[in-house]
Amino acid sequence: MTQPPAAAAVLPPYSALEPTCAKCGWIGATLQYRPARGPLVLPWNHNRVVDVARPERLARHCTSCGYHWDEALLDAPPTVPAADAHEGQADEEGRS
């Protein structure tokens, strides 16, 4: 399955083997690979989307508070936040 381009760009980078939970600050979380998938729809109403398409990702689960988050794969290309990309373009245009 191909990666949904918009969703793949928003995943935070891989945070190594002992990540820090953003909610409680605990060091340590479980890790599980999740393959890419399409959007989820209700079986009786295919026009009702329950969850959007998700890219290939690593699912984290804090062992202290139970908070869940997704991260990009280790070999994923680095992403540039949209705001930074636009600022760089504006700087280059101003110099011309």
PDB file of N, CA and C in Angstrom:
ATOM      1  N   MET A   1       0.849  -1.176   0.000  1.00  0.00           N
ATOM      2  CA  MET A   1       0.000   0.000   0.000  1.00  0.00           C
ATOM      3  C   MET A   1       0.893   1.237   0.000  1.00  0.00           C
ATOM      4  N   THR A   2       0.523   2.241  -0.762  1.00  0.00           N
ATOM      5  CA  THR A   2       1.333   3.455  -0.821  1.00  0.00           C
ATOM      6  C   THR A   2       1.071   4.351   0.378  1.00  0.00           C
ATOM      7  N   GLN A   3       2.031   5.207   0.656  1.00  0.00           N
ATOM      8  CA  GLN A   3       1.925   6.120   1.795  1.00  0.00           C
ATOM      9  C   GLN A   3       1.004   7.280   1.444  1.00  0.00           C
ATOM     10  N   PRO A   4       0.051   7.632   2.313  1.00  0.00           N
ATOM     11  CA  PRO A   4      -0.684   8.872   2.104  1.00  0.00           C
ATOM     12  C   PRO A   4       0.285  10.038   2.307  1.00  0.00           C
ATOM     13  N   PRO A   5       0.504  10.900   1.308  1.00  0.00           N
ATOM     14  CA  PRO A   5       1.561  11.905   1.411  1.00  0.00           C
ATOM     15  C   PRO A   5       1.370  12.904   2.535  1.00  0.00           C
ATOM     16  N   ALA A   6       0.171  13.399   2.762  1.00  0.00           N
ATOM     17  CA  ALA A   6      -0.034  14.416   3.798  1.00  0.00           C
ATOM     18  C   ALA A   6       0.188  13.835   5.185  1.00  0.00           C
ATOM     19  N   ALA A   7      -0.281  12.627   5.427  1.00  0.00           N
ATOM     20  CA  ALA A   7      -0.165  12.024   6.754  1.00  0.00           C
ATOM     21  C   ALA A   7       1.282  11.650   7.070  1.00  0.00           C
ATOM     22  N   ALA A   8       2.026  11.194   6.075  1.00  0.00           N
ATOM     23  CA  ALA A   8       3.407  10.779   6.313  1.00  0.00           C
ATOM     24  C   ALA A   8       4.281  11.958   6.712  1.00  0.00           C
ATOM     25  N   ALA A   9       3.932  13.162   6.273  1.00  0.00           N
ATOM     26  CA  ALA A   9       4.757  14.335   6.548  1.00  0.00           C
ATOM     27  C   ALA A   9       4.607  14.855   7.973  1.00  0.00           C
ATOM     28  N   VAL A  10       3.568  14.458   8.683  1.00  0.00           N
ATOM     29  CA  VAL A  10       3.328  15.019  10.011  1.00  0.00           C
ATOM     30  C   VAL A  10       3.834  14.136  11.147  1.00  0.00           C
ATOM     31  N   LEU A  11       4.347  12.966  10.864  1.00  0.00           N
ATOM     32  CA  LEU A  11       4.836  12.090  11.922  1.00  0.00           C
ATOM     33  C   LEU A  11       6.132  12.628  12.514  1.00  0.00           C
ATOM     34  N   PRO A  12       6.244  12.626  13.838  1.00  0.00           N
ATOM     35  CA  PRO A  12       7.516  13.036  14.440  1.00  0.00           C
ATOM     36  C   PRO A  12       8.596  11.993  14.144  1.00  0.00           C
ATOM     37  N   PRO A  13       9.859  12.373  14.186  1.00  0.00           N
ATOM     38  CA  PRO A  13      10.931  11.420  13.895  1.00  0.00           C
ATOM     39  C   PRO A  13      11.042  10.339  14.964  1.00  0.00           C
ATOM     40  N   TYR A  14      11.686   9.244  14.597  1.00  0.00           N
ATOM     41  CA  TYR A  14      11.952   8.136  15.516  1.00  0.00           C
ATOM     42  C   TYR A  14      12.735   8.651  16.720  1.00  0.00           C
ATOM     43  N   SER A  15      12.322   8.257  17.929  1.00  0.00           N
ATOM     44  CA  SER A  15      12.927   8.808  19.156  1.00  0.00           C
ATOM     45  C   SER A  15      13.780   7.807  19.929  1.00  0.00           C
ATOM     46  N   ALA A  16      14.372   6.858  19.248  1.00  0.00           N
ATOM     47  CA  ALA A  16      15.284   5.879  19.851  1.00  0.00           C
ATOM     48  C   ALA A  16      14.556   4.872  20.734  1.00  0.00           C
ATOM     49  N   LEU A  17      15.328   4.089  21.485  1.00  0.00           N
ATOM     50  CA  LEU A  17      14.752   2.984  22.252  1.00  0.00           C
ATOM     51  C   LEU A  17      14.102   3.410  23.555  1.00  0.00           C
ATOM     52  N   GLU A  18      14.520   4.512  24.133  1.00  0.00           N
ATOM     53  CA  GLU A  18      13.972   4.973  25.414  1.00  0.00           C
ATOM     54  C   GLU A  18      13.402   6.387  25.278  1.00  0.00           C
ATOM     55  N   PRO A  19      12.246   6.529  24.618  1.00  0.00           N
ATOM     56  CA  PRO A  19      11.683   7.865  24.433  1.00  0.00           C
ATOM     57  C   PRO A  19      11.082   8.417  25.720  1.00  0.00           C
ATOM     58  N   THR A  20      10.942   9.731  25.772  1.00  0.00           N
ATOM     59  CA  THR A  20      10.306  10.389  26.906  1.00  0.00           C
ATOM     60  C   THR A  20       8.866  10.713  26.533  1.00  0.00           C
ATOM     61  N   CYS A  21       7.925  10.330  27.382  1.00  0.00           N
ATOM     62  CA  CYS A  21       6.504  10.581  27.145  1.00  0.00           C
ATOM     63  C   CYS A  21       6.233  12.086  27.192  1.00  0.00           C
ATOM     64  N   ALA A  22       5.503  12.586  26.209  1.00  0.00           N
ATOM     65  CA  ALA A  22       5.175  14.015  26.151  1.00  0.00           C
ATOM     66  C   ALA A  22       4.152  14.412  27.209  1.00  0.00           C
ATOM     67  N   LYS A  23       3.392  13.475  27.728  1.00  0.00           N
ATOM     68  CA  LYS A  23       2.356  13.780  28.720  1.00  0.00           C
ATOM     69  C   LYS A  23       2.871  13.737  30.153  1.00  0.00           C
ATOM     70  N   CYS A  24       3.603  12.688  30.513  1.00  0.00           N
ATOM     71  CA  CYS A  24       3.992  12.530  31.922  1.00  0.00           C
ATOM     72  C   CYS A  24       5.500  12.615  32.158  1.00  0.00           C
ATOM     73  N   GLY A  25       6.309  12.620  31.091  1.00  0.00           N
ATOM     74  CA  GLY A  25       7.754  12.716  31.245  1.00  0.00           C
ATOM     75  C   GLY A  25       8.450  11.404  31.562  1.00  0.00           C
ATOM     76  N   TRP A  26       7.715  10.312  31.636  1.00  0.00           N
ATOM     77  CA  TRP A  26       8.289   8.996  31.924  1.00  0.00           C
ATOM     78  C   TRP A  26       9.217   8.585  30.793  1.00  0.00           C
ATOM     79  N   ILE A  27      10.341   7.989  31.129  1.00  0.00           N
ATOM     80  CA  ILE A  27      11.268   7.509  30.117  1.00  0.00           C
ATOM     81  C   ILE A  27      10.990   6.033  29.893  1.00  0.00           C
ATOM     82  N   GLY A  28      10.518   5.704  28.719  1.00  0.00           N
ATOM     83  CA  GLY A  28      10.227   4.324  28.359  1.00  0.00           C
ATOM     84  C   GLY A  28       8.833   4.175  27.788  1.00  0.00           C
ATOM     85  N   ALA A  29       8.750   3.497  26.661  1.00  0.00           N
ATOM     86  CA  ALA A  29       7.470   3.239  26.013  1.00  0.00           C
ATOM     87  C   ALA A  29       7.609   1.991  25.159  1.00  0.00           C
ATOM     88  N   THR A  30       6.516   1.264  24.999  1.00  0.00           N
ATOM     89  CA  THR A  30       6.544   0.100  24.121  1.00  0.00           C
ATOM     90  C   THR A  30       6.546   0.583  22.677  1.00  0.00           C
ATOM     91  N   LEU A  31       6.930  -0.293  21.780  1.00  0.00           N
ATOM     92  CA  LEU A  31       7.055   0.048  20.370  1.00  0.00           C
ATOM     93  C   LEU A  31       6.430  -1.059  19.546  1.00  0.00           C
ATOM     94  N   GLN A  32       5.596  -0.688  18.559  1.00  0.00           N
ATOM     95  CA  GLN A  32       4.980  -1.676  17.683  1.00  0.00           C
ATOM     96  C   GLN A  32       4.908  -1.109  16.272  1.00  0.00           C
ATOM     97  N   TYR A  33       5.333  -1.915  15.289  1.00  0.00           N
ATOM     98  CA  TYR A  33       5.258  -1.516  13.885  1.00  0.00           C
ATOM     99  C   TYR A  33       3.807  -1.577  13.423  1.00  0.00           C
ATOM    100  N   ARG A  34       3.367  -0.568  12.679  1.00  0.00           N
ATOM    101  CA  ARG A  34       2.023  -0.551  12.099  1.00  0.00           C
ATOM    102  C   ARG A  34       2.156  -0.300  10.596  1.00  0.00           C
ATOM    103  N   PRO A  35       1.618  -1.202   9.765  1.00  0.00           N
ATOM    104  CA  PRO A  35       1.689  -0.985   8.315  1.00  0.00           C
ATOM    105  C   PRO A  35       0.741   0.136   7.877  1.00  0.00           C
ATOM    106  N   ALA A  36       0.982   0.663   6.684  1.00  0.00           N
ATOM    107  CA  ALA A  36       0.094   1.687   6.126  1.00  0.00           C
ATOM    108  C   ALA A  36      -1.278   1.071   5.875  1.00  0.00           C
ATOM    109  N   ARG A  37      -2.303   1.895   5.974  1.00  0.00           N
ATOM    110  CA  ARG A  37      -3.662   1.424   5.701  1.00  0.00           C
ATOM    111  C   ARG A  37      -4.489   2.577   5.157  1.00  0.00           C
ATOM    112  N   GLY A  38      -5.562   2.211   4.503  1.00  0.00           N
ATOM    113  CA  GLY A  38      -6.482   3.211   3.964  1.00  0.00           C
ATOM    114  C   GLY A  38      -7.434   3.705   5.037  1.00  0.00           C
ATOM    115  N   PRO A  39      -8.350   4.594   4.667  1.00  0.00           N
ATOM    116  CA  PRO A  39      -9.307   5.109   5.647  1.00  0.00           C
ATOM    117  C   PRO A  39     -10.255   4.009   6.120  1.00  0.00           C
ATOM    118  N   LEU A  40     -10.719   4.140   7.354  1.00  0.00           N
ATOM    119  CA  LEU A  40     -11.688   3.192   7.900  1.00  0.00           C
ATOM    120  C   LEU A  40     -13.085   3.777   7.746  1.00  0.00           C
ATOM    121  N   VAL A  41     -14.009   2.958   7.250  1.00  0.00           N
ATOM    122  CA  VAL A  41     -15.393   3.392   7.065  1.00  0.00           C
ATOM    123  C   VAL A  41     -16.326   2.448   7.804  1.00  0.00           C
ATOM    124  N   LEU A  42     -17.535   2.917   8.057  1.00  0.00           N
ATOM    125  CA  LEU A  42     -18.536   2.058   8.687  1.00  0.00           C
ATOM    126  C   LEU A  42     -18.940   0.966   7.707  1.00  0.00           C
ATOM    127  N   PRO A  43     -19.072  -0.284   8.156  1.00  0.00           N
ATOM    128  CA  PRO A  43     -19.414  -1.377   7.240  1.00  0.00           C
ATOM    129  C   PRO A  43     -20.779  -1.197   6.579  1.00  0.00           C
ATOM    130  N   TRP A  44     -21.703  -0.543   7.245  1.00  0.00           N
ATOM    131  CA  TRP A  44     -23.054  -0.380   6.716  1.00  0.00           C
ATOM    132  C   TRP A  44     -23.245   0.963   6.005  1.00  0.00           C
ATOM    133  N   ASN A  45     -22.240   1.845   6.045  1.00  0.00           N
ATOM    134  CA  ASN A  45     -22.328   3.142   5.382  1.00  0.00           C
ATOM    135  C   ASN A  45     -20.930   3.544   4.929  1.00  0.00           C
ATOM    136  N   HIS A  46     -20.598   3.222   3.693  1.00  0.00           N
ATOM    137  CA  HIS A  46     -19.241   3.472   3.186  1.00  0.00           C
ATOM    138  C   HIS A  46     -18.951   4.953   2.959  1.00  0.00           C
ATOM    139  N   ASN A  47     -19.945   5.805   3.114  1.00  0.00           N
ATOM    140  CA  ASN A  47     -19.726   7.247   2.988  1.00  0.00           C
ATOM    141  C   ASN A  47     -19.292   7.875   4.307  1.00  0.00           C
ATOM    142  N   ARG A  48     -19.361   7.121   5.393  1.00  0.00           N
ATOM    143  CA  ARG A  48     -19.026   7.642   6.722  1.00  0.00           C
ATOM    144  C   ARG A  48     -17.615   7.185   7.108  1.00  0.00           C
ATOM    145  N   VAL A  49     -16.643   8.100   7.047  1.00  0.00           N
ATOM    146  CA  VAL A  49     -15.254   7.788   7.394  1.00  0.00           C
ATOM    147  C   VAL A  49     -15.083   7.890   8.907  1.00  0.00           C
ATOM    148  N   VAL A  50     -14.591   6.814   9.529  1.00  0.00           N
ATOM    149  CA  VAL A  50     -14.385   6.759  10.975  1.00  0.00           C
ATOM    150  C   VAL A  50     -12.972   7.214  11.339  1.00  0.00           C
ATOM    151  N   ASP A  51     -11.995   6.878  10.497  1.00  0.00           N
ATOM    152  CA  ASP A  51     -10.607   7.279  10.731  1.00  0.00           C
ATOM    153  C   ASP A  51      -9.932   7.471   9.381  1.00  0.00           C
ATOM    154  N   VAL A  52      -9.041   8.431   9.297  1.00  0.00           N
ATOM    155  CA  VAL A  52      -8.346   8.739   8.047  1.00  0.00           C
ATOM    156  C   VAL A  52      -7.292   7.680   7.735  1.00  0.00           C
ATOM    157  N   ALA A  53      -6.775   7.723   6.519  1.00  0.00           N
ATOM    158  CA  ALA A  53      -5.690   6.823   6.126  1.00  0.00           C
ATOM    159  C   ALA A  53      -4.463   7.112   6.990  1.00  0.00           C
ATOM    160  N   ARG A  54      -3.729   6.084   7.312  1.00  0.00           N
ATOM    161  CA  ARG A  54      -2.526   6.231   8.147  1.00  0.00           C
ATOM    162  C   ARG A  54      -1.317   5.697   7.394  1.00  0.00           C
ATOM    163  N   PRO A  55      -0.175   6.386   7.484  1.00  0.00           N
ATOM    164  CA  PRO A  55       1.038   5.902   6.819  1.00  0.00           C
ATOM    165  C   PRO A  55       1.683   4.771   7.621  1.00  0.00           C
ATOM    166  N   GLU A  56       2.664   4.129   7.019  1.00  0.00           N
ATOM    167  CA  GLU A  56       3.480   3.151   7.732  1.00  0.00           C
ATOM    168  C   GLU A  56       4.146   3.891   8.889  1.00  0.00           C
ATOM    169  N   ARG A  57       4.104   3.312  10.098  1.00  0.00           N
ATOM    170  CA  ARG A  57       4.552   4.062  11.269  1.00  0.00           C
ATOM    171  C   ARG A  57       4.941   3.145  12.414  1.00  0.00           C
ATOM    172  N   LEU A  58       5.513   3.739  13.464  1.00  0.00           N
ATOM    173  CA  LEU A  58       5.814   3.043  14.710  1.00  0.00           C
ATOM    174  C   LEU A  58       4.866   3.587  15.773  1.00  0.00           C
ATOM    175  N   ALA A  59       4.133   2.704  16.422  1.00  0.00           N
ATOM    176  CA  ALA A  59       3.188   3.114  17.464  1.00  0.00           C
ATOM    177  C   ALA A  59       3.869   2.994  18.824  1.00  0.00           C
ATOM    178  N   ARG A  60       3.825   4.062  19.601  1.00  0.00           N
ATOM    179  CA  ARG A  60       4.402   4.095  20.950  1.00  0.00           C
ATOM    180  C   ARG A  60       3.288   4.084  21.982  1.00  0.00           C
ATOM    181  N   HIS A  61       3.574   3.488  23.147  1.00  0.00           N
ATOM    182  CA  HIS A  61       2.623   3.437  24.255  1.00  0.00           C
ATOM    183  C   HIS A  61       3.408   3.631  25.542  1.00  0.00           C
ATOM    184  N   CYS A  62       3.124   4.726  26.281  1.00  0.00           N
ATOM    185  CA  CYS A  62       3.837   5.015  27.524  1.00  0.00           C
ATOM    186  C   CYS A  62       3.524   3.934  28.552  1.00  0.00           C
ATOM    187  N   THR A  63       4.557   3.406  29.186  1.00  0.00           N
ATOM    188  CA  THR A  63       4.369   2.339  30.175  1.00  0.00           C
ATOM    189  C   THR A  63       3.912   2.873  31.521  1.00  0.00           C
ATOM    190  N   SER A  64       3.870   4.192  31.691  1.00  0.00           N
ATOM    191  CA  SER A  64       3.426   4.778  32.951  1.00  0.00           C
ATOM    192  C   SER A  64       1.985   5.278  32.882  1.00  0.00           C
ATOM    193  N   CYS A  65       1.701   6.197  31.941  1.00  0.00           N
ATOM    194  CA  CYS A  65       0.369   6.820  31.904  1.00  0.00           C
ATOM    195  C   CYS A  65      -0.537   6.262  30.817  1.00  0.00           C
ATOM    196  N   GLY A  66       0.008   5.492  29.864  1.00  0.00           N
ATOM    197  CA  GLY A  66      -0.810   4.902  28.813  1.00  0.00           C
ATOM    198  C   GLY A  66      -1.008   5.772  27.585  1.00  0.00           C
ATOM    199  N   TYR A  67      -0.357   6.918  27.518  1.00  0.00           N
ATOM    200  CA  TYR A  67      -0.484   7.810  26.362  1.00  0.00           C
ATOM    201  C   TYR A  67       0.053   7.112  25.114  1.00  0.00           C
ATOM    202  N   HIS A  68      -0.631   7.303  23.975  1.00  0.00           N
ATOM    203  CA  HIS A  68      -0.229   6.705  22.697  1.00  0.00           C
ATOM    204  C   HIS A  68       0.217   7.790  21.734  1.00  0.00           C
ATOM    205  N   TRP A  69       1.250   7.497  20.928  1.00  0.00           N
ATOM    206  CA  TRP A  69       1.625   8.392  19.841  1.00  0.00           C
ATOM    207  C   TRP A  69       2.303   7.593  18.749  1.00  0.00           C
ATOM    208  N   ASP A  70       2.327   8.156  17.548  1.00  0.00           N
ATOM    209  CA  ASP A  70       2.966   7.529  16.398  1.00  0.00           C
ATOM    210  C   ASP A  70       4.246   8.274  16.051  1.00  0.00           C
ATOM    211  N   GLU A  71       5.199   7.532  15.487  1.00  0.00           N
ATOM    212  CA  GLU A  71       6.464   8.109  15.035  1.00  0.00           C
ATOM    213  C   GLU A  71       6.790   7.580  13.649  1.00  0.00           C
ATOM    214  N   ALA A  72       7.627   8.321  12.927  1.00  0.00           N
ATOM    215  CA  ALA A  72       8.093   7.890  11.619  1.00  0.00           C
ATOM    216  C   ALA A  72       9.055   6.715  11.778  1.00  0.00           C
ATOM    217  N   LEU A  73       9.219   5.952  10.726  1.00  0.00           N
ATOM    218  CA  LEU A  73      10.162   4.838  10.736  1.00  0.00           C
ATOM    219  C   LEU A  73      11.595   5.355  10.820  1.00  0.00           C
ATOM    220  N   LEU A  74      12.481   4.503  11.250  1.00  0.00           N
ATOM    221  CA  LEU A  74      13.891   4.859  11.394  1.00  0.00           C
ATOM    222  C   LEU A  74      14.498   5.301  10.066  1.00  0.00           C
ATOM    223  N   ASP A  75      14.112   4.651   8.978  1.00  0.00           N
ATOM    224  CA  ASP A  75      14.677   4.983   7.667  1.00  0.00           C
ATOM    225  C   ASP A  75      13.834   5.997   6.891  1.00  0.00           C
ATOM    226  N   ALA A  76      12.877   6.647   7.548  1.00  0.00           N
ATOM    227  CA  ALA A  76      12.036   7.643   6.880  1.00  0.00           C
ATOM    228  C   ALA A  76      12.855   8.882   6.546  1.00  0.00           C
ATOM    229  N   PRO A  77      12.584   9.505   5.392  1.00  0.00           N
ATOM    230  CA  PRO A  77      13.325  10.728   5.059  1.00  0.00           C
ATOM    231  C   PRO A  77      12.947  11.850   6.019  1.00  0.00           C
ATOM    232  N   PRO A  78      13.873  12.752   6.320  1.00  0.00           N
ATOM    233  CA  PRO A  78      13.547  13.854   7.232  1.00  0.00           C
ATOM    234  C   PRO A  78      12.493  14.759   6.612  1.00  0.00           C
ATOM    235  N   THR A  79      11.616  15.295   7.450  1.00  0.00           N
ATOM    236  CA  THR A  79      10.560  16.173   6.964  1.00  0.00           C
ATOM    237  C   THR A  79      10.807  17.592   7.450  1.00  0.00           C
ATOM    238  N   VAL A  80      10.372  18.542   6.656  1.00  0.00           N
ATOM    239  CA  VAL A  80      10.494  19.954   7.008  1.00  0.00           C
ATOM    240  C   VAL A  80       9.096  20.460   7.318  1.00  0.00           C
ATOM    241  N   PRO A  81       8.862  21.041   8.495  1.00  0.00           N
ATOM    242  CA  PRO A  81       7.539  21.589   8.785  1.00  0.00           C
ATOM    243  C   PRO A  81       7.144  22.624   7.741  1.00  0.00           C
ATOM    244  N   ALA A  82       5.859  22.682   7.413  1.00  0.00           N
ATOM    245  CA  ALA A  82       5.361  23.562   6.357  1.00  0.00           C
ATOM    246  C   ALA A  82       5.715  25.024   6.615  1.00  0.00           C
ATOM    247  N   ALA A  83       5.628  25.490   7.847  1.00  0.00           N
ATOM    248  CA  ALA A  83       5.917  26.888   8.164  1.00  0.00           C
ATOM    249  C   ALA A  83       7.376  27.215   7.852  1.00  0.00           C
ATOM    250  N   ASP A  84       8.300  26.337   8.193  1.00  0.00           N
ATOM    251  CA  ASP A  84       9.716  26.570   7.919  1.00  0.00           C
ATOM    252  C   ASP A  84       9.986  26.593   6.419  1.00  0.00           C
ATOM    253  N   ALA A  85       9.315  25.723   5.686  1.00  0.00           N
ATOM    254  CA  ALA A  85       9.514  25.663   4.247  1.00  0.00           C
ATOM    255  C   ALA A  85       9.063  26.971   3.598  1.00  0.00           C
ATOM    256  N   HIS A  86       7.938  27.520   4.031  1.00  0.00           N
ATOM    257  CA  HIS A  86       7.436  28.774   3.466  1.00  0.00           C
ATOM    258  C   HIS A  86       8.340  29.942   3.843  1.00  0.00           C
ATOM    259  N   GLU A  87       8.879  29.953   5.059  1.00  0.00           N
ATOM    260  CA  GLU A  87       9.779  31.025   5.476  1.00  0.00           C
ATOM    261  C   GLU A  87      11.028  31.028   4.605  1.00  0.00           C
ATOM    262  N   GLY A  88      11.561  29.860   4.316  1.00  0.00           N
ATOM    263  CA  GLY A  88      12.745  29.761   3.473  1.00  0.00           C
ATOM    264  C   GLY A  88      12.484  30.287   2.076  1.00  0.00           C
ATOM    265  N   GLN A  89      11.305  30.000   1.530  1.00  0.00           N
ATOM    266  CA  GLN A  89      10.956  30.499   0.211  1.00  0.00           C
ATOM    267  C   GLN A  89      10.824  32.013   0.231  1.00  0.00           C
ATOM    268  N   ALA A  90      10.233  32.564   1.285  1.00  0.00           N
ATOM    269  CA  ALA A  90      10.062  34.013   1.383  1.00  0.00           C
ATOM    270  C   ALA A  90      11.424  34.701   1.478  1.00  0.00           C
ATOM    271  N   ASP A  91      12.358  34.128   2.231  1.00  0.00           N
ATOM    272  CA  ASP A  91      13.697  34.702   2.356  1.00  0.00           C
ATOM    273  C   ASP A  91      14.401  34.737   1.005  1.00  0.00           C
ATOM    274  N   GLU A  92      14.280  33.656   0.245  1.00  0.00           N
ATOM    275  CA  GLU A  92      14.934  33.590  -1.052  1.00  0.00           C
ATOM    276  C   GLU A  92      14.325  34.588  -2.022  1.00  0.00           C
ATOM    277  N   GLU A  93      12.988  34.770  -1.963  1.00  0.00           N
ATOM    278  CA  GLU A  93      12.319  35.712  -2.857  1.00  0.00           C
ATOM    279  C   GLU A  93      12.731  37.141  -2.530  1.00  0.00           C
ATOM    280  N   GLY A  94      12.930  37.449  -1.253  1.00  0.00           N
ATOM    281  CA  GLY A  94      13.306  38.794  -0.839  1.00  0.00           C
ATOM    282  C   GLY A  94      14.703  39.174  -1.294  1.00  0.00           C
ATOM    283  N   ARG A  95      15.568  38.189  -1.490  1.00  0.00           N
ATOM    284  CA  ARG A  95      16.957  38.451  -1.893  1.00  0.00           C
ATOM    285  C   ARG A  95      17.077  38.701  -3.387  1.00  0.00           C
ATOM    286  N   SER A  96      16.102  38.259  -4.168  1.00  0.00           N
ATOM    287  CA  SER A  96      16.203  38.383  -5.623  1.00  0.00           C
ATOM    288  C   SER A  96      16.045  39.813  -6.078  1.00  0.00           C
TER     289      SER A  96
END
